[in-house]
Amino acid sequence: MADPRLKTIRIKSGVVKRLAKEKSMYESQVEQEKVRLQKFKDQGKDEYDIRKQEEVIQESIMMVPETHKRLLAAFQELNSMLETEKELEEAEEYKNALLIVGDVKLLIGESN
């Protein structure tokens, strides 16, 4: 991997992949915590425990749009780099980056 552009593509791909995973994790955490909150309510847990659980849910909910914003920025940066470095399209890093871009497009709801 002599070309430094390939290393940059690999790094940017890793960032996009990590942020996509992080966003999915926060979304699933919100759902899990909501289930846990309902279980607390059903069990008649102390009001303090219920309020603390609601705070946990709010913190997780706040992380989803923040992570989405960072994912979108990293995605756009990688996507534009792939468009400008078309001569590298035979390289394995480029092909992997295209796969990641395709997967993330589905996650963020972008068409093309």
Protein backbone atom coordinates (compact mmCIF):
# COMPACT_ATOMS: atom_id res chain seq x y z
CA MET A 1 0.00 0.00 0.00
CA ALA A 2 2.39 2.64 -1.27
CA ASP A 3 -0.23 5.25 -2.10
CA PRO A 4 -1.06 7.43 0.93
CA ARG A 5 -4.52 8.04 -0.51
CA LEU A 6 -5.35 4.37 0.07
CA LYS A 7 -4.39 4.69 3.71
CA THR A 8 -6.62 7.75 4.01
CA ILE A 9 -9.50 5.88 2.37
CA ARG A 10 -8.99 2.96 4.77
CA ILE A 11 -8.98 5.28 7.80
CA LYS A 12 -12.05 7.22 6.65
CA SER A 13 -13.85 3.94 5.93
CA GLY A 14 -13.09 2.77 9.47
CA VAL A 15 -14.47 5.99 10.92
CA VAL A 16 -17.69 5.69 8.93
CA LYS A 17 -18.07 2.05 9.87
CA ARG A 18 -17.48 2.77 13.57
CA LEU A 19 -19.94 5.67 13.63
CA ALA A 20 -22.60 3.59 11.87
CA LYS A 21 -22.16 0.87 14.49
CA GLU A 22 -22.24 3.45 17.29
CA LYS A 23 -25.49 4.96 15.99
CA SER A 24 -27.13 1.54 15.77
CA MET A 25 -25.93 0.75 19.28
CA TYR A 26 -27.47 3.93 20.73
CA GLU A 27 -30.77 3.24 18.96
CA SER A 28 -30.94 -0.30 20.32
CA GLN A 29 -29.93 0.93 23.77
CA VAL A 30 -32.87 3.35 23.78
CA GLU A 31 -35.24 0.48 23.03
CA GLN A 32 -33.70 -1.76 25.70
CA GLU A 33 -33.88 0.97 28.32
CA LYS A 34 -37.53 1.68 27.48
CA VAL A 35 -38.32 -1.99 28.04
CA ARG A 36 -36.44 -1.85 31.34
CA LEU A 37 -38.36 1.29 32.37
CA GLN A 38 -41.66 -0.42 31.64
CA LYS A 39 -40.53 -3.41 33.70
CA PHE A 40 -39.71 -1.04 36.59
CA LYS A 41 -43.17 0.50 36.35
CA ASP A 42 -44.86 -2.90 36.18
CA GLN A 43 -42.93 -4.09 39.24
CA GLY A 44 -43.87 -0.95 41.16
CA LYS A 45 -40.26 0.10 41.69
CA ASP A 46 -39.40 3.17 43.72
CA GLU A 47 -40.12 6.54 42.03
CA TYR A 48 -36.42 7.43 42.32
CA ASP A 49 -35.42 4.35 40.28
CA ILE A 50 -38.02 5.18 37.64
CA ARG A 51 -36.80 8.79 37.33
CA LYS A 52 -33.18 7.63 37.06
CA GLN A 53 -34.17 5.17 34.32
CA GLU A 54 -35.96 7.98 32.46
CA GLU A 55 -32.76 10.05 32.69
CA VAL A 56 -30.77 7.16 31.20
CA ILE A 57 -33.23 6.97 28.32
CA GLN A 58 -33.01 10.72 27.69
CA GLU A 59 -29.21 10.60 27.60
CA SER A 60 -29.30 7.79 25.06
CA ILE A 61 -31.91 9.58 22.96
CA MET A 62 -29.74 12.71 22.88
CA MET A 63 -26.78 10.71 21.57
CA VAL A 64 -28.63 9.41 18.49
CA PRO A 65 -28.88 12.74 16.57
CA GLU A 66 -25.34 13.74 17.60
CA THR A 67 -23.93 10.46 16.34
CA HIS A 68 -26.04 10.71 13.18
CA LYS A 69 -24.61 14.17 12.49
CA ARG A 70 -21.03 12.92 12.89
CA LEU A 71 -21.81 9.86 10.75
CA LEU A 72 -23.26 12.04 8.01
CA ALA A 73 -20.19 14.30 7.98
CA ALA A 74 -17.78 11.35 7.85
CA PHE A 75 -19.90 9.64 5.20
CA GLN A 76 -19.93 12.72 2.97
CA GLU A 77 -16.18 13.16 3.39
CA LEU A 78 -15.49 9.54 2.42
CA ASN A 79 -17.98 9.62 -0.44
CA SER A 80 -16.46 12.77 -1.94
CA MET A 81 -12.96 11.32 -1.61
CA LEU A 82 -14.07 8.18 -3.47
CA GLU A 83 -15.51 10.34 -6.24
CA THR A 84 -12.28 12.31 -6.62
CA GLU A 85 -9.99 9.25 -6.47
CA LYS A 86 -11.67 7.10 -9.13
CA GLU A 87 -8.28 6.01 -10.51
CA LEU A 88 -7.86 3.88 -7.35
CA GLU A 89 -11.02 1.87 -8.00
CA GLU A 90 -9.07 -1.38 -8.54
CA ALA A 91 -7.53 -1.20 -5.06
CA GLU A 92 -8.98 -3.38 -2.30
CA GLU A 93 -9.34 -0.40 0.09
CA TYR A 94 -11.38 1.48 -2.49
CA LYS A 95 -13.67 -1.51 -3.07
CA ASN A 96 -14.17 -1.98 0.68
CA ALA A 97 -14.96 1.71 1.06
CA LEU A 98 -17.59 1.45 -1.67
CA LEU A 99 -19.25 -1.41 0.21
CA ILE A 100 -19.27 0.60 3.43
CA VAL A 101 -20.71 3.63 1.61
CA GLY A 102 -23.46 1.44 0.16
CA ASP A 103 -24.35 -0.01 3.57
CA VAL A 104 -24.34 3.39 5.26
CA LYS A 105 -26.53 4.90 2.53
CA LEU A 106 -29.21 2.43 3.59
CA LEU A 107 -28.70 3.30 7.27
CA ILE A 108 -28.96 7.06 6.79
CA GLY A 109 -31.68 6.82 4.16
CA GLU A 110 -29.79 8.48 1.33
CA SER A 111 -30.67 7.52 -2.22
CA ASN A 112 -28.39 7.14 -5.32
